Protein backbone atom coordinates (compact mmCIF):
# COMPACT_ATOMS: atom_id res chain seq x y z
CA VAL A 1 -16.13 4.02 -3.67
CA GLN A 2 -14.68 1.40 -1.38
CA LEU A 3 -11.20 -0.04 -1.55
CA GLN A 4 -10.77 -3.28 0.36
CA ALA A 5 -7.37 -3.84 1.94
CA SER A 6 -6.53 -7.25 3.35
CA GLY A 7 -3.63 -9.45 4.35
CA GLY A 8 -2.55 -7.83 7.58
CA GLY A 9 -1.78 -9.84 10.68
CA LEU A 10 0.87 -10.87 13.12
CA VAL A 11 4.30 -11.77 11.74
CA GLN A 12 7.68 -12.38 13.30
CA ALA A 13 10.53 -10.00 12.68
CA GLY A 14 12.38 -10.92 9.52
CA GLY A 15 9.35 -12.53 7.99
CA PRO A 16 7.33 -11.67 4.89
CA LEU A 17 3.77 -10.55 4.43
CA ARG A 18 1.70 -9.66 1.37
CA LEU A 19 -1.07 -7.11 1.44
CA SER A 20 -3.80 -6.91 -1.16
CA CYS A 21 -6.22 -4.18 -2.11
CA ALA A 22 -9.27 -4.72 -4.30
CA ALA A 23 -10.84 -1.78 -6.07
CA PRO A 24 -13.69 -1.21 -8.51
CA GLY A 25 -12.41 -1.61 -12.03
CA SER A 26 -13.68 1.76 -13.17
CA ILE A 27 -11.44 3.37 -10.58
CA PHE A 28 -8.52 0.97 -10.58
CA ARG A 29 -7.75 1.12 -14.30
CA ARG A 30 -7.52 4.92 -14.29
CA SER A 31 -5.67 5.42 -11.05
CA THR A 32 -2.23 5.61 -9.67
CA MET A 33 -2.45 3.24 -6.71
CA GLY A 34 -0.52 3.73 -3.52
CA TRP A 35 0.24 2.20 -0.16
CA PHE A 36 0.56 4.25 3.00
CA ARG A 37 0.82 3.44 6.67
CA GLN A 38 0.11 5.04 9.98
CA LEU A 39 2.30 4.20 12.92
CA PRO A 40 0.85 4.46 16.41
CA GLY A 41 0.61 8.11 17.37
CA LYS A 42 1.98 9.28 14.02
CA GLY A 43 0.64 10.72 10.80
CA ARG A 44 0.06 8.73 7.64
CA GLU A 45 3.20 8.20 5.54
CA PHE A 46 3.84 7.21 1.95
CA LEU A 47 5.31 3.80 1.19
CA ALA A 48 4.97 3.06 -2.51
CA ALA A 49 2.88 3.81 -5.58
CA ILE A 50 2.36 2.43 -9.07
CA ASN A 51 0.65 4.00 -12.04
CA TRP A 52 -1.22 2.42 -14.93
CA ASN A 53 2.04 2.09 -16.88
CA ASP A 54 3.59 0.11 -14.01
CA GLU A 55 5.93 2.94 -13.14
CA THR A 56 6.71 2.83 -9.46
CA LYS A 57 7.99 5.05 -6.69
CA TYR A 58 9.10 4.02 -3.22
CA ALA A 59 9.88 5.76 0.01
CA ASP A 60 13.60 5.46 0.66
CA PHE A 61 13.12 3.52 3.87
CA VAL A 62 11.30 0.65 2.13
CA LYS A 63 13.43 0.32 -0.99
CA GLY A 64 14.78 -3.19 -1.28
CA ARG A 65 12.29 -4.58 1.26
CA PHE A 66 8.84 -3.73 -0.14
CA THR A 67 7.56 -4.32 -3.68
CA ILE A 68 4.38 -2.84 -5.08
CA SER A 69 2.56 -4.43 -8.00
CA ARG A 70 -0.84 -4.42 -9.62
CA ASP A 71 -2.96 -6.95 -11.48
CA ASN A 72 -5.17 -5.02 -13.85
CA ALA A 73 -7.16 -8.12 -14.77
CA LYS A 74 -8.14 -8.61 -11.14
CA ASN A 75 -8.30 -4.91 -10.21
CA THR A 76 -6.03 -5.68 -7.31
CA LEU A 77 -3.03 -3.94 -5.83
CA TYR A 78 -0.35 -5.75 -3.86
CA LEU A 79 2.42 -4.91 -1.44
CA GLU A 80 5.03 -7.58 -0.85
CA MET A 81 6.87 -6.87 2.37
CA ASN A 82 10.05 -8.68 3.34
CA SER A 83 12.50 -8.49 6.23
CA LEU A 84 9.84 -6.95 8.41
CA LYS A 85 10.89 -5.12 11.54
CA PRO A 86 8.98 -4.34 14.73
CA GLU A 87 9.01 -0.67 13.68
CA ASP A 88 6.94 -1.64 10.63
CA THR A 89 4.02 -2.25 12.97
CA ALA A 90 1.25 0.03 11.71
CA VAL A 91 -2.09 0.23 10.01
CA TYR A 92 -1.55 -0.05 6.27
CA TYR A 93 -3.80 1.73 3.80
CA CYS A 94 -4.26 1.50 0.05
CA ALA A 95 -5.43 4.48 -1.92
CA ALA A 96 -6.30 5.55 -5.45
CA ASP A 97 -5.28 8.77 -7.15
CA TYR A 98 -7.94 8.85 -9.84
CA MET A 99 -6.63 10.05 -13.20
CA GLY A 100 -3.57 11.32 -11.39
CA ALA A 101 0.10 10.49 -11.07
CA SER A 102 1.18 12.18 -7.89
CA PHE A 103 2.72 9.07 -6.37
CA ASP A 104 3.78 10.32 -2.94
CA LEU A 105 1.47 13.31 -2.49
CA ILE A 106 -0.99 11.99 0.07
CA HIS A 107 -3.45 14.84 -0.38
CA GLU A 108 -3.89 13.96 -4.08
CA TYR A 109 -5.40 10.56 -3.36
CA ASP A 110 -9.13 10.43 -3.83
CA TYR A 111 -10.19 7.05 -2.47
CA TRP A 112 -8.96 5.13 0.54
CA GLY A 113 -9.30 1.66 1.93
CA GLN A 114 -10.23 0.94 5.52
CA GLY A 115 -6.75 -0.08 6.59
CA THR A 116 -5.30 -3.40 7.64
CA LEU A 117 -3.21 -3.85 10.78
CA VAL A 118 0.28 -5.31 10.52
CA THR A 119 1.97 -6.28 13.75
CA VAL A 120 5.61 -7.38 13.70
CA SER A 121 6.80 -9.16 16.81
CA SER A 122 10.42 -9.16 17.91
């Protein structure tokens, strides 16, 4: 199963960026979907997740800046990022927790996208 993350790129500090993640419908509709990132030289960290009832959970450090959403008709997950900072530079991953609702438990996610690089310049 392949998740396709897209939308990364170079953005100036303070600017916005929207990431997208397409998934097979058979997986997407039954999954809690999450966004994670991996900073250079660091482990992967949780950012936000949304279940099939549109309930969401965010890491404290992105609350108020990042918004997760899903379009069930398009089988697509989104991450709206605002007020980006240079320290947000990372590879961003989407993931699916099939039939689960673990939100921020990274080891519970079953399927992962390939990652998309976000670079925030100062």
